[in-house]
């Protein structure tokens, strides 16, 4: 089944953000959202290492390695931006001052449980939960962006997480390379499908029941939702 690339997924998420607000970009794929904000957006992007109003990545050769995001990748500072120490940054995260946090995940359950912390890897990186635990309980909404399935075809959207949890019942919305899915009291509700995907095909790649919104929409590679 054809699906979005990671950069196309970042564009989709960027186009679904509100017109204004304070949004944290988690380490990994979510950082690419900064490169795709619409020009008329008044969203201010936050990075947990202490930046507010993060801009897009710099052009090749224009990197300033003293200005990096939480994933240690070079960024730019948009007009009016600022930087500060980690204690102030985590006060923002824990104090309910962020409207949305966009995080990657390994698994999301049908009741919004989040599993996204590394248990270590073959290169010797230690297990770590990072700032995701603070964002998960501090931001007003948690959005997850991830591939719908693992590399070996296992579902990431599941009835119950089997990996260590970051937080319980916090995820509001999931963006995958195939669908936009809300977490509701009834479980996973598909709000939009990729232009070439079907409900049946997406269900086969999901470890829990899916329901289609009565206002189900489509999106293309440009990240724009098509009219119903």
N, C-alpha and C. Protein backbone atom coordinates (compact mmCIF):
# COMPACT_ATOMS: atom_id res chain seq x y z
N UNK A 1 0.84 -1.19 0.00
CA UNK A 1 0.00 0.00 0.00
C UNK A 1 0.88 1.25 0.00
N UNK A 2 0.62 2.17 -0.93
CA UNK A 2 1.35 3.43 -0.95
C UNK A 2 1.04 4.24 0.30
N UNK A 3 2.00 5.02 0.75
CA UNK A 3 1.80 5.80 1.97
C UNK A 3 2.69 7.04 1.93
N UNK A 4 2.50 7.92 2.90
CA UNK A 4 3.31 9.13 3.00
C UNK A 4 4.74 8.79 3.41
N UNK A 5 5.68 9.60 2.94
CA UNK A 5 7.04 9.56 3.46
C UNK A 5 7.06 10.30 4.79
N UNK A 6 8.17 10.23 5.51
CA UNK A 6 8.25 10.93 6.79
C UNK A 6 8.12 12.44 6.63
N UNK A 7 8.73 12.99 5.58
CA UNK A 7 8.63 14.44 5.37
C UNK A 7 7.22 14.83 4.98
N UNK A 8 6.56 14.00 4.19
CA UNK A 8 5.15 14.28 3.84
C UNK A 8 4.25 14.17 5.06
N UNK A 9 4.57 13.25 5.96
CA UNK A 9 3.81 13.15 7.21
C UNK A 9 3.98 14.40 8.05
N UNK A 10 5.21 14.92 8.11
CA UNK A 10 5.46 16.17 8.85
C UNK A 10 4.67 17.32 8.25
N UNK A 11 4.56 17.36 6.92
CA UNK A 11 3.78 18.41 6.25
C UNK A 11 2.30 18.28 6.62
N UNK A 12 1.80 17.05 6.65
CA UNK A 12 0.40 16.82 7.03
C UNK A 12 0.13 17.35 8.43
N UNK A 13 1.00 17.02 9.39
CA UNK A 13 0.81 17.47 10.77
C UNK A 13 0.87 18.99 10.83
N UNK A 14 1.83 19.59 10.14
CA UNK A 14 1.97 21.05 10.17
C UNK A 14 0.71 21.74 9.68
N UNK A 15 0.06 21.18 8.68
CA UNK A 15 -1.14 21.80 8.12
C UNK A 15 -2.37 21.61 9.01
N UNK A 16 -2.29 20.70 9.98
CA UNK A 16 -3.43 20.49 10.88
C UNK A 16 -3.31 21.26 12.19
N UNK A 17 -2.20 21.96 12.40
CA UNK A 17 -2.04 22.74 13.63
C UNK A 17 -3.00 23.93 13.62
N UNK A 18 -3.38 24.42 14.80
CA UNK A 18 -4.23 25.61 14.85
C UNK A 18 -3.49 26.83 14.30
N UNK A 19 -4.22 27.90 14.08
CA UNK A 19 -3.63 29.10 13.51
C UNK A 19 -2.63 29.77 14.45
N UNK A 20 -2.80 29.54 15.73
CA UNK A 20 -1.87 30.12 16.71
C UNK A 20 -1.81 29.21 17.93
N UNK A 21 -0.77 29.40 18.72
CA UNK A 21 -0.60 28.59 19.91
C UNK A 21 0.86 28.24 20.13
N UNK A 22 1.12 27.53 21.21
CA UNK A 22 2.47 27.11 21.57
C UNK A 22 2.55 25.60 21.45
N UNK A 23 3.47 25.13 20.61
CA UNK A 23 3.54 23.72 20.24
C UNK A 23 4.95 23.20 20.43
N UNK A 24 5.09 22.14 21.21
CA UNK A 24 6.39 21.49 21.37
C UNK A 24 6.59 20.44 20.29
N UNK A 25 7.81 20.38 19.76
CA UNK A 25 8.18 19.34 18.81
C UNK A 25 9.12 18.37 19.49
N UNK A 26 8.70 17.12 19.61
CA UNK A 26 9.51 16.11 20.25
C UNK A 26 10.70 15.71 19.39
N UNK A 27 11.63 15.00 19.99
CA UNK A 27 12.84 14.55 19.30
C UNK A 27 12.46 13.56 18.21
N UNK A 28 13.19 13.60 17.11
CA UNK A 28 12.96 12.67 16.01
C UNK A 28 12.11 13.28 14.92
N UNK A 29 11.21 12.47 14.36
CA UNK A 29 10.39 12.90 13.23
C UNK A 29 9.62 14.21 13.47
N UNK A 30 9.09 14.47 14.68
CA UNK A 30 8.33 15.71 14.87
C UNK A 30 9.12 16.99 14.59
N UNK A 31 10.44 16.96 14.71
CA UNK A 31 11.21 18.19 14.47
C UNK A 31 11.06 18.69 13.04
N UNK A 32 10.72 17.80 12.10
CA UNK A 32 10.56 18.21 10.70
C UNK A 32 9.31 19.05 10.49
N UNK A 33 8.39 19.07 11.45
CA UNK A 33 7.19 19.90 11.33
C UNK A 33 7.57 21.37 11.17
N UNK A 34 8.67 21.78 11.78
CA UNK A 34 9.11 23.18 11.69
C UNK A 34 9.39 23.61 10.26
N UNK A 35 9.71 22.68 9.38
CA UNK A 35 10.05 23.01 8.00
C UNK A 35 8.82 23.17 7.11
N UNK A 36 7.63 22.90 7.66
CA UNK A 36 6.44 22.86 6.81
C UNK A 36 5.29 23.71 7.32
N UNK A 37 5.52 24.56 8.31
CA UNK A 37 4.44 25.44 8.78
C UNK A 37 3.98 26.37 7.67
N UNK A 38 2.68 26.53 7.47
CA UNK A 38 2.20 27.50 6.48
C UNK A 38 2.71 28.91 6.80
N UNK A 39 2.88 29.71 5.77
CA UNK A 39 3.44 31.05 5.95
C UNK A 39 2.58 31.93 6.84
N UNK A 40 1.27 31.69 6.84
CA UNK A 40 0.38 32.53 7.64
C UNK A 40 0.18 32.00 9.05
N UNK A 41 0.94 30.98 9.44
CA UNK A 41 0.79 30.40 10.77
C UNK A 41 1.37 31.32 11.84
N UNK A 42 0.66 31.42 12.95
CA UNK A 42 1.14 32.17 14.12
C UNK A 42 1.53 31.23 15.26
N UNK A 43 1.74 29.96 14.92
CA UNK A 43 2.18 28.99 15.92
C UNK A 43 3.62 29.30 16.32
N UNK A 44 3.90 29.21 17.62
CA UNK A 44 5.26 29.34 18.13
C UNK A 44 5.73 27.95 18.58
N UNK A 45 6.82 27.49 17.98
CA UNK A 45 7.32 26.15 18.25
C UNK A 45 8.32 26.16 19.39
N UNK A 46 8.19 25.18 20.27
CA UNK A 46 9.01 25.07 21.47
C UNK A 46 9.89 23.83 21.38
N UNK A 47 11.15 23.97 21.80
CA UNK A 47 12.05 22.83 21.91
C UNK A 47 12.47 22.70 23.37
N UNK A 48 12.44 21.47 23.89
CA UNK A 48 12.59 21.28 25.33
C UNK A 48 13.96 21.68 25.86
N UNK A 49 14.97 21.81 24.99
CA UNK A 49 16.27 22.23 25.48
C UNK A 49 16.35 23.74 25.71
N UNK A 50 15.26 24.47 25.41
CA UNK A 50 15.20 25.87 25.79
C UNK A 50 15.10 26.85 24.65
N UNK A 51 14.22 26.60 23.67
CA UNK A 51 14.00 27.52 22.56
C UNK A 51 12.50 27.72 22.37
N UNK A 52 12.11 28.96 22.14
CA UNK A 52 10.73 29.28 21.80
C UNK A 52 10.74 30.03 20.48
N UNK A 53 9.86 29.63 19.58
CA UNK A 53 9.75 30.12 18.21
C UNK A 53 10.88 29.58 17.34
N UNK A 54 10.99 28.27 17.36
CA UNK A 54 11.94 27.58 16.50
C UNK A 54 11.56 27.79 15.04
N UNK A 55 12.55 28.06 14.20
CA UNK A 55 12.32 28.19 12.77
C UNK A 55 12.69 26.93 12.04
N UNK A 56 12.63 26.95 10.72
CA UNK A 56 13.00 25.77 9.93
C UNK A 56 14.49 25.50 9.99
N UNK A 57 14.89 24.34 9.51
CA UNK A 57 16.31 24.00 9.51
C UNK A 57 17.05 24.97 8.59
N UNK A 58 18.31 25.25 8.90
CA UNK A 58 19.07 26.18 8.08
C UNK A 58 19.47 25.55 6.75
N UNK A 59 19.80 26.39 5.79
CA UNK A 59 20.31 25.91 4.51
C UNK A 59 21.66 25.24 4.71
N UNK A 60 22.01 24.35 3.81
CA UNK A 60 23.31 23.68 3.89
C UNK A 60 24.44 24.71 3.90
N UNK A 61 25.35 24.55 4.85
CA UNK A 61 26.46 25.47 4.99
C UNK A 61 26.18 26.66 5.87
N UNK A 62 24.91 26.83 6.29
CA UNK A 62 24.52 27.97 7.12
C UNK A 62 24.23 27.54 8.56
N UNK A 63 24.60 26.32 8.93
CA UNK A 63 24.30 25.82 10.27
C UNK A 63 25.10 26.56 11.34
N UNK A 64 24.43 26.85 12.45
CA UNK A 64 25.08 27.37 13.65
C UNK A 64 24.95 26.29 14.72
N UNK A 65 26.05 25.60 15.02
CA UNK A 65 25.97 24.46 15.92
C UNK A 65 25.84 24.86 17.38
N UNK A 66 25.77 26.16 17.64
CA UNK A 66 25.39 26.63 18.97
C UNK A 66 23.88 26.81 19.08
N UNK A 67 23.16 26.63 17.98
CA UNK A 67 21.71 26.76 17.98
C UNK A 67 21.13 25.44 17.46
N UNK A 68 20.78 24.58 18.39
CA UNK A 68 20.30 23.24 18.05
C UNK A 68 19.01 22.94 18.81
N UNK A 69 18.25 21.98 18.30
CA UNK A 69 17.04 21.56 19.00
C UNK A 69 17.35 20.44 19.99
N UNK A 70 16.32 19.87 20.59
CA UNK A 70 16.53 18.85 21.61
C UNK A 70 17.14 17.58 21.04
N UNK A 71 17.01 17.39 19.72
CA UNK A 71 17.62 16.24 19.06
C UNK A 71 19.03 16.52 18.56
N UNK A 72 19.57 17.68 18.95
CA UNK A 72 20.94 18.08 18.59
C UNK A 72 21.10 18.37 17.10
N UNK A 73 20.00 18.73 16.45
CA UNK A 73 20.05 19.11 15.05
C UNK A 73 20.00 20.64 14.93
N UNK A 74 20.75 21.23 14.00
CA UNK A 74 20.76 22.69 13.88
C UNK A 74 19.41 23.23 13.43
N UNK A 75 19.01 24.35 14.01
CA UNK A 75 17.75 24.99 13.67
C UNK A 75 18.00 26.48 13.46
N UNK A 76 16.96 27.19 13.10
CA UNK A 76 17.00 28.64 13.06
C UNK A 76 16.05 29.18 14.12
N UNK A 77 16.15 30.47 14.37
CA UNK A 77 15.27 31.13 15.33
C UNK A 77 14.38 32.09 14.55
N UNK A 78 13.07 31.88 14.63
CA UNK A 78 12.14 32.77 13.94
C UNK A 78 12.10 34.13 14.63
N UNK A 79 11.57 35.11 13.93
CA UNK A 79 11.51 36.47 14.46
C UNK A 79 10.76 36.50 15.78
N UNK A 80 11.32 37.13 16.78
CA UNK A 80 10.71 37.19 18.10
C UNK A 80 11.04 36.01 18.97
N UNK A 81 11.87 35.10 18.47
CA UNK A 81 12.22 33.91 19.24
C UNK A 81 13.16 34.19 20.38
N UNK A 82 13.29 33.23 21.27
CA UNK A 82 14.16 33.39 22.43
C UNK A 82 14.68 32.04 22.87
N UNK A 83 15.73 32.06 23.68
CA UNK A 83 16.23 30.82 24.28
C UNK A 83 16.54 31.06 25.74
N UNK A 84 16.54 29.97 26.51
CA UNK A 84 16.57 30.07 27.96
C UNK A 84 17.05 28.75 28.53
N UNK A 85 17.21 28.69 29.86
CA UNK A 85 17.77 27.46 30.45
C UNK A 85 16.70 26.38 30.57
N UNK A 86 17.17 25.15 30.84
CA UNK A 86 16.26 24.01 30.84
C UNK A 86 15.25 24.06 31.98
N UNK A 87 15.58 24.72 33.09
CA UNK A 87 14.63 24.78 34.20
C UNK A 87 13.40 25.59 33.80
N UNK A 88 13.59 26.68 33.08
CA UNK A 88 12.46 27.47 32.60
C UNK A 88 11.69 26.69 31.53
N UNK A 89 12.43 26.01 30.66
CA UNK A 89 11.79 25.24 29.61
C UNK A 89 10.89 24.15 30.19
N UNK A 90 11.39 23.43 31.20
CA UNK A 90 10.58 22.37 31.80
C UNK A 90 9.44 22.93 32.64
N UNK A 91 9.58 24.15 33.14
CA UNK A 91 8.45 24.79 33.81
C UNK A 91 7.33 25.06 32.83
N UNK A 92 7.69 25.45 31.61
CA UNK A 92 6.67 25.62 30.57
C UNK A 92 5.98 24.30 30.27
N UNK A 93 6.78 23.24 30.16
CA UNK A 93 6.25 21.92 29.81
C UNK A 93 5.35 21.36 30.90
N UNK A 94 5.76 21.53 32.14
CA UNK A 94 5.01 20.93 33.25
C UNK A 94 3.85 21.79 33.71
N UNK A 95 3.89 23.07 33.36
CA UNK A 95 2.92 24.00 33.92
C UNK A 95 1.68 24.24 33.08
N UNK A 96 1.48 23.46 32.02
CA UNK A 96 0.29 23.62 31.20
C UNK A 96 0.35 24.79 30.25
N UNK A 97 1.56 25.24 29.91
CA UNK A 97 1.70 26.42 29.04
C UNK A 97 1.80 26.05 27.56
N UNK A 98 1.88 24.76 27.24
CA UNK A 98 1.96 24.31 25.85
C UNK A 98 0.60 23.79 25.41
N UNK A 99 0.14 24.28 24.28
CA UNK A 99 -1.17 23.84 23.78
C UNK A 99 -1.12 22.42 23.24
N UNK A 100 -0.04 22.09 22.54
CA UNK A 100 0.10 20.77 21.92
C UNK A 100 1.56 20.34 22.04
N UNK A 101 1.78 19.07 22.29
CA UNK A 101 3.10 18.46 22.14
C UNK A 101 2.97 17.37 21.08
N UNK A 102 3.85 17.42 20.09
CA UNK A 102 3.86 16.43 19.02
C UNK A 102 5.01 15.47 19.29
N UNK A 103 4.69 14.21 19.51
CA UNK A 103 5.68 13.22 19.92
C UNK A 103 5.69 12.05 18.95
N UNK A 104 6.83 11.39 18.85
CA UNK A 104 6.89 10.10 18.19
C UNK A 104 6.47 9.03 19.17
N UNK A 105 6.23 7.82 18.67
CA UNK A 105 5.82 6.73 19.55
C UNK A 105 6.16 5.38 18.92
N UNK A 106 6.32 4.40 19.79
CA UNK A 106 6.43 3.01 19.35
C UNK A 106 5.06 2.35 19.31
N UNK A 107 4.22 2.71 20.30
CA UNK A 107 2.86 2.17 20.36
C UNK A 107 1.93 3.22 20.96
N UNK A 108 0.67 3.19 20.51
CA UNK A 108 -0.41 3.95 21.13
C UNK A 108 -1.59 3.00 21.27
N UNK A 109 -2.20 2.97 22.46
CA UNK A 109 -3.34 2.07 22.67
C UNK A 109 -4.64 2.79 22.35
N UNK A 110 -5.71 2.01 22.24
CA UNK A 110 -7.01 2.56 21.88
C UNK A 110 -7.59 3.49 22.92
N UNK A 111 -7.06 3.47 24.15
CA UNK A 111 -7.52 4.43 25.15
C UNK A 111 -6.51 5.56 25.37
N UNK A 112 -5.53 5.69 24.47
CA UNK A 112 -4.61 6.82 24.51
C UNK A 112 -3.36 6.64 25.33
N UNK A 113 -3.06 5.41 25.74
CA UNK A 113 -1.79 5.15 26.43
C UNK A 113 -0.64 5.35 25.44
N UNK A 114 0.46 5.90 25.94
CA UNK A 114 1.61 6.24 25.10
C UNK A 114 2.84 5.44 25.53
N UNK A 115 3.46 4.77 24.56
CA UNK A 115 4.74 4.09 24.80
C UNK A 115 5.74 4.63 23.80
N UNK A 116 6.67 5.47 24.28
CA UNK A 116 7.60 6.08 23.33
C UNK A 116 9.02 6.24 23.87
N UNK A 117 9.35 5.54 24.95
CA UNK A 117 10.71 5.76 25.46
C UNK A 117 11.59 4.58 25.11
N UNK A 118 12.86 4.92 24.83
CA UNK A 118 13.79 3.91 24.36
C UNK A 118 14.20 2.97 25.49
N UNK A 119 14.25 1.71 25.16
CA UNK A 119 14.72 0.71 26.13
C UNK A 119 16.17 0.34 25.87
N UNK A 120 16.88 1.15 25.09
CA UNK A 120 18.27 0.90 24.76
C UNK A 120 18.40 0.32 23.37
N UNK A 121 19.61 0.36 22.80
CA UNK A 121 19.81 -0.21 21.46
C UNK A 121 21.16 -0.92 21.40
N UNK A 122 21.42 -1.49 20.25
CA UNK A 122 22.62 -2.30 20.08
C UNK A 122 23.89 -1.47 20.11
N UNK A 123 23.78 -0.15 19.91
CA UNK A 123 24.96 0.71 19.92
C UNK A 123 25.33 1.18 21.33
N UNK A 124 24.61 0.69 22.33
CA UNK A 124 24.96 1.01 23.70
C UNK A 124 24.26 2.19 24.30
N UNK A 125 23.31 2.80 23.56
CA UNK A 125 22.56 3.92 24.13
C UNK A 125 21.74 3.42 25.32
N UNK A 126 21.79 4.15 26.43
CA UNK A 126 21.08 3.68 27.63
C UNK A 126 19.58 3.87 27.52
N UNK A 127 18.79 3.08 28.25
CA UNK A 127 17.35 3.34 28.31
C UNK A 127 17.08 4.74 28.85
N UNK A 128 16.09 5.41 28.27
CA UNK A 128 15.81 6.78 28.71
C UNK A 128 14.41 7.18 28.31
N UNK A 129 13.73 7.88 29.20
CA UNK A 129 12.39 8.37 28.91
C UNK A 129 12.41 9.83 28.47
N UNK A 130 13.48 10.56 28.82
CA UNK A 130 13.64 11.94 28.38
C UNK A 130 12.54 12.86 28.86
N UNK A 131 12.36 13.97 28.13
CA UNK A 131 11.35 14.94 28.52
C UNK A 131 9.94 14.56 28.11
N UNK A 132 9.79 13.43 27.41
CA UNK A 132 8.45 13.04 26.95
C UNK A 132 7.49 12.85 28.11
N UNK A 133 7.98 12.36 29.24
CA UNK A 133 7.09 12.14 30.38
C UNK A 133 6.54 13.46 30.92
N UNK A 134 7.37 14.51 30.88
CA UNK A 134 6.92 15.83 31.33
C UNK A 134 5.91 16.42 30.34
N UNK A 135 6.20 16.26 29.05
CA UNK A 135 5.28 16.75 28.03
C UNK A 135 3.95 16.01 28.07
N UNK A 136 4.03 14.71 28.28
CA UNK A 136 2.82 13.88 28.24
C UNK A 136 1.81 14.29 29.30
N UNK A 137 2.28 14.75 30.45
CA UNK A 137 1.36 15.13 31.52
C UNK A 137 1.17 16.64 31.63
N UNK A 138 2.01 17.41 30.91
CA UNK A 138 1.95 18.86 31.05
C UNK A 138 1.28 19.59 29.91
N UNK A 139 1.43 19.10 28.68
CA UNK A 139 0.81 19.76 27.54
C UNK A 139 -0.70 19.54 27.54
N UNK A 140 -1.42 20.47 26.98
CA UNK A 140 -2.88 20.38 26.98
C UNK A 140 -3.39 19.28 26.05
N UNK A 141 -2.66 19.06 24.96
CA UNK A 141 -2.99 17.96 24.05
C UNK A 141 -1.72 17.25 23.62
N UNK A 142 -1.80 15.93 23.44
CA UNK A 142 -0.69 15.17 22.89
C UNK A 142 -1.10 14.64 21.53
N UNK A 143 -0.31 15.01 20.52
CA UNK A 143 -0.46 14.45 19.18
C UNK A 143 0.73 13.53 18.95
N UNK A 144 0.49 12.41 18.33
CA UNK A 144 1.55 11.47 17.98
C UNK A 144 1.66 11.38 16.47
N UNK A 145 2.89 11.40 15.97
CA UNK A 145 3.12 11.12 14.56
C UNK A 145 4.09 9.94 14.46
N UNK A 146 3.71 8.95 13.67
CA UNK A 146 4.51 7.73 13.56
C UNK A 146 4.08 6.94 12.33
N UNK A 147 4.89 5.99 11.92
CA UNK A 147 4.48 5.07 10.86
C UNK A 147 3.43 4.12 11.42
N UNK A 148 2.51 3.72 10.54
CA UNK A 148 1.37 2.94 11.01
C UNK A 148 1.80 1.56 11.51
N UNK A 149 2.85 1.01 10.91
CA UNK A 149 3.34 -0.32 11.28
C UNK A 149 4.85 -0.29 11.47
N UNK A 150 5.37 -1.29 12.15
CA UNK A 150 6.82 -1.44 12.29
C UNK A 150 7.41 -1.95 10.98
N UNK A 151 8.73 -2.00 10.91
CA UNK A 151 9.38 -2.47 9.68
C UNK A 151 9.01 -3.91 9.34
N UNK A 152 8.71 -4.71 10.36
CA UNK A 152 8.33 -6.09 10.09
C UNK A 152 6.81 -6.29 10.07
N UNK A 153 6.08 -5.17 9.92
CA UNK A 153 4.64 -5.26 9.71
C UNK A 153 3.78 -5.36 10.94
N UNK A 154 4.35 -5.17 12.13
CA UNK A 154 3.57 -5.24 13.35
C UNK A 154 2.85 -3.90 13.60
N UNK A 155 1.63 -3.94 14.10
CA UNK A 155 0.88 -2.68 14.31
C UNK A 155 1.45 -1.85 15.46
N UNK A 156 1.42 -0.55 15.28
CA UNK A 156 1.79 0.38 16.35
C UNK A 156 0.55 0.90 17.08
N UNK A 157 -0.58 0.87 16.41
CA UNK A 157 -1.85 1.20 17.05
C UNK A 157 -2.45 -0.10 17.56
N UNK A 158 -2.59 -0.21 18.87
CA UNK A 158 -2.91 -1.50 19.48
C UNK A 158 -4.04 -1.37 20.49
N UNK A 159 -4.60 -2.53 20.84
CA UNK A 159 -5.63 -2.55 21.87
C UNK A 159 -5.02 -2.22 23.22
N UNK A 160 -3.85 -2.79 23.49
CA UNK A 160 -3.15 -2.55 24.74
C UNK A 160 -1.66 -2.54 24.48
N UNK A 161 -0.96 -1.54 24.99
CA UNK A 161 0.48 -1.45 24.76
C UNK A 161 1.21 -2.60 25.45
N UNK A 162 2.19 -3.15 24.75
CA UNK A 162 3.03 -4.20 25.32
C UNK A 162 4.41 -3.68 25.70
N UNK A 163 4.71 -2.44 25.33
CA UNK A 163 5.99 -1.81 25.67
C UNK A 163 5.81 -0.93 26.91
N UNK A 164 6.92 -0.57 27.58
CA UNK A 164 6.82 0.28 28.78
C UNK A 164 6.10 1.60 28.48
N UNK A 165 5.19 1.98 29.35
CA UNK A 165 4.39 3.17 29.12
C UNK A 165 5.12 4.44 29.55
N UNK A 166 4.91 5.47 28.75
CA UNK A 166 5.35 6.82 29.12
C UNK A 166 4.29 7.50 29.97
N UNK A 167 3.03 7.36 29.55
CA UNK A 167 1.91 7.96 30.28
C UNK A 167 0.63 7.24 29.87
N UNK A 168 -0.36 7.32 30.74
CA UNK A 168 -1.62 6.60 30.55
C UNK A 168 -2.71 7.56 30.07
N UNK A 169 -3.37 7.20 28.98
CA UNK A 169 -4.56 7.92 28.53
C UNK A 169 -4.35 9.37 28.14
N UNK A 170 -3.20 9.69 27.53
CA UNK A 170 -2.90 11.10 27.25
C UNK A 170 -3.02 11.48 25.78
N UNK A 171 -2.98 10.52 24.87
CA UNK A 171 -2.93 10.84 23.44
C UNK A 171 -4.32 11.23 22.94
N UNK A 172 -4.39 12.35 22.24
CA UNK A 172 -5.66 12.82 21.69
C UNK A 172 -5.81 12.50 20.21
N UNK A 173 -4.69 12.52 19.48
CA UNK A 173 -4.75 12.38 18.02
C UNK A 173 -3.47 11.71 17.53
N UNK A 174 -3.61 10.84 16.53
CA UNK A 174 -2.46 10.15 15.95
C UNK A 174 -2.44 10.40 14.44
N UNK A 175 -1.26 10.77 13.95
CA UNK A 175 -1.03 10.93 12.51
C UNK A 175 -0.09 9.82 12.07
N UNK A 176 -0.52 9.02 11.12
CA UNK A 176 0.36 8.01 10.56
C UNK A 176 0.52 8.25 9.07
N UNK A 177 1.35 7.44 8.44
CA UNK A 177 1.55 7.57 7.00
C UNK A 177 0.33 7.10 6.20
N UNK A 178 -0.72 6.65 6.91
CA UNK A 178 -1.93 6.19 6.24
C UNK A 178 -3.20 6.90 6.69
N UNK A 179 -3.20 7.49 7.87
CA UNK A 179 -4.48 7.99 8.41
C UNK A 179 -4.26 9.03 9.50
N UNK A 180 -5.33 9.81 9.75
CA UNK A 180 -5.43 10.67 10.92
C UNK A 180 -6.50 10.06 11.80
N UNK A 181 -6.15 9.78 13.05
CA UNK A 181 -7.03 9.02 13.94
C UNK A 181 -7.18 9.74 15.26
N UNK A 182 -8.40 9.95 15.70
CA UNK A 182 -8.69 10.51 17.02
C UNK A 182 -8.84 9.40 18.04
N UNK A 183 -8.41 9.68 19.27
CA UNK A 183 -8.65 8.77 20.39
C UNK A 183 -9.89 9.26 21.11
N UNK A 184 -10.91 8.43 21.15
CA UNK A 184 -12.18 8.81 21.75
C UNK A 184 -12.58 7.78 22.81
N UNK A 185 -13.68 8.05 23.48
CA UNK A 185 -14.20 7.09 24.45
C UNK A 185 -14.58 5.77 23.78
N UNK A 186 -14.78 5.80 22.47
CA UNK A 186 -15.12 4.60 21.72
C UNK A 186 -13.91 3.97 21.07
N UNK A 187 -12.72 4.49 21.34
CA UNK A 187 -11.51 3.94 20.76
C UNK A 187 -11.01 4.76 19.59
N UNK A 188 -10.40 4.08 18.60
CA UNK A 188 -9.81 4.75 17.45
C UNK A 188 -10.90 5.13 16.44
N UNK A 189 -10.97 6.41 16.12
CA UNK A 189 -11.92 6.91 15.11
C UNK A 189 -11.11 7.57 14.00
N UNK A 190 -11.21 7.05 12.80
CA UNK A 190 -10.45 7.55 11.66
C UNK A 190 -11.13 8.80 11.11
N UNK A 191 -10.40 9.90 11.14
CA UNK A 191 -10.93 11.16 10.64
C UNK A 191 -10.59 11.40 9.18
N UNK A 192 -9.46 10.84 8.73
CA UNK A 192 -9.04 11.03 7.34
C UNK A 192 -8.13 9.90 6.93
N UNK A 193 -8.18 9.55 5.64
CA UNK A 193 -7.34 8.50 5.08
C UNK A 193 -6.47 9.07 3.96
N UNK A 194 -5.28 8.50 3.80
CA UNK A 194 -4.44 8.82 2.65
C UNK A 194 -5.20 8.49 1.38
N UNK A 195 -4.95 9.23 0.33
CA UNK A 195 -5.76 9.16 -0.89
C UNK A 195 -5.85 7.76 -1.49
N UNK A 196 -4.83 6.93 -1.30
CA UNK A 196 -4.84 5.59 -1.89
C UNK A 196 -5.20 4.49 -0.89
N UNK A 197 -5.53 4.86 0.34
CA UNK A 197 -5.79 3.86 1.38
C UNK A 197 -7.29 3.58 1.51
N UNK A 198 -7.59 2.40 2.01
CA UNK A 198 -8.98 2.02 2.29
C UNK A 198 -9.11 1.70 3.77
N UNK A 199 -10.32 1.79 4.29
CA UNK A 199 -10.54 1.43 5.69
C UNK A 199 -10.15 -0.02 5.93
N UNK A 200 -10.48 -0.88 4.99
CA UNK A 200 -10.16 -2.30 5.16
C UNK A 200 -8.65 -2.53 5.22
N UNK A 201 -7.92 -1.87 4.32
CA UNK A 201 -6.47 -2.03 4.30
C UNK A 201 -5.80 -1.49 5.54
N UNK A 202 -6.28 -0.34 6.03
CA UNK A 202 -5.71 0.24 7.24
C UNK A 202 -6.06 -0.61 8.46
N UNK A 203 -7.29 -1.15 8.48
CA UNK A 203 -7.68 -2.02 9.59
C UNK A 203 -6.76 -3.24 9.68
N UNK A 204 -6.37 -3.80 8.55
CA UNK A 204 -5.49 -4.97 8.55
C UNK A 204 -4.13 -4.67 9.17
N UNK A 205 -3.75 -3.39 9.18
CA UNK A 205 -2.46 -2.99 9.72
C UNK A 205 -2.57 -2.42 11.13
N UNK A 206 -3.74 -2.59 11.75
CA UNK A 206 -4.01 -2.01 13.06
C UNK A 206 -4.36 -3.12 14.04
N UNK A 207 -3.84 -2.99 15.28
CA UNK A 207 -4.05 -4.03 16.28
C UNK A 207 -5.26 -3.80 17.16
N UNK A 208 -6.18 -2.98 16.74
CA UNK A 208 -7.43 -2.74 17.47
C UNK A 208 -8.48 -2.30 16.46
N UNK A 209 -9.73 -2.30 16.88
CA UNK A 209 -10.82 -1.94 15.96
C UNK A 209 -10.77 -0.46 15.60
N UNK A 210 -11.06 -0.18 14.35
CA UNK A 210 -11.17 1.19 13.86
C UNK A 210 -12.61 1.51 13.53
N UNK A 211 -13.01 2.74 13.80
CA UNK A 211 -14.31 3.23 13.35
C UNK A 211 -14.07 4.41 12.42
N UNK A 212 -14.88 4.51 11.39
CA UNK A 212 -14.76 5.63 10.46
C UNK A 212 -15.64 6.78 10.92
N UNK A 213 -15.09 7.98 10.91
CA UNK A 213 -15.89 9.16 11.21
C UNK A 213 -17.00 9.31 10.18
N UNK A 214 -18.16 9.79 10.58
CA UNK A 214 -19.22 10.04 9.59
C UNK A 214 -18.83 11.13 8.60
N UNK A 215 -17.78 11.88 8.92
CA UNK A 215 -17.29 12.94 8.03
C UNK A 215 -15.89 12.60 7.54
N UNK A 216 -15.66 11.34 7.22
CA UNK A 216 -14.35 10.86 6.80
C UNK A 216 -13.85 11.64 5.58
N UNK A 217 -12.58 12.08 5.67
CA UNK A 217 -11.99 12.86 4.60
C UNK A 217 -10.76 12.15 4.05
N UNK A 218 -10.16 12.75 3.03
CA UNK A 218 -8.95 12.23 2.39
C UNK A 218 -7.86 13.30 2.43
N UNK A 219 -6.60 12.85 2.39
CA UNK A 219 -5.49 13.78 2.25
C UNK A 219 -4.49 13.21 1.26
N UNK A 220 -3.78 14.13 0.60
CA UNK A 220 -2.77 13.74 -0.37
C UNK A 220 -1.38 13.99 0.15
N UNK A 221 -0.41 13.89 -0.75
CA UNK A 221 0.98 14.08 -0.36
C UNK A 221 1.30 15.53 -0.02
N UNK A 222 0.42 16.46 -0.41
CA UNK A 222 0.64 17.87 -0.08
C UNK A 222 0.21 18.19 1.35
N UNK A 223 -0.39 17.23 2.06
CA UNK A 223 -0.76 17.46 3.44
C UNK A 223 -2.06 18.20 3.64
N UNK A 224 -2.78 18.46 2.58
CA UNK A 224 -4.02 19.23 2.67
C UNK A 224 -5.21 18.28 2.66
N UNK A 225 -6.15 18.48 3.59
CA UNK A 225 -7.36 17.66 3.62
C UNK A 225 -8.27 18.05 2.47
N UNK A 226 -8.79 17.03 1.80
CA UNK A 226 -9.68 17.27 0.67
C UNK A 226 -11.10 17.49 1.18
N UNK A 227 -11.91 18.26 0.45
CA UNK A 227 -13.31 18.47 0.86
C UNK A 227 -14.06 17.15 0.89
N UNK A 228 -15.04 17.07 1.79
CA UNK A 228 -15.87 15.86 1.86
C UNK A 228 -16.82 15.79 0.67
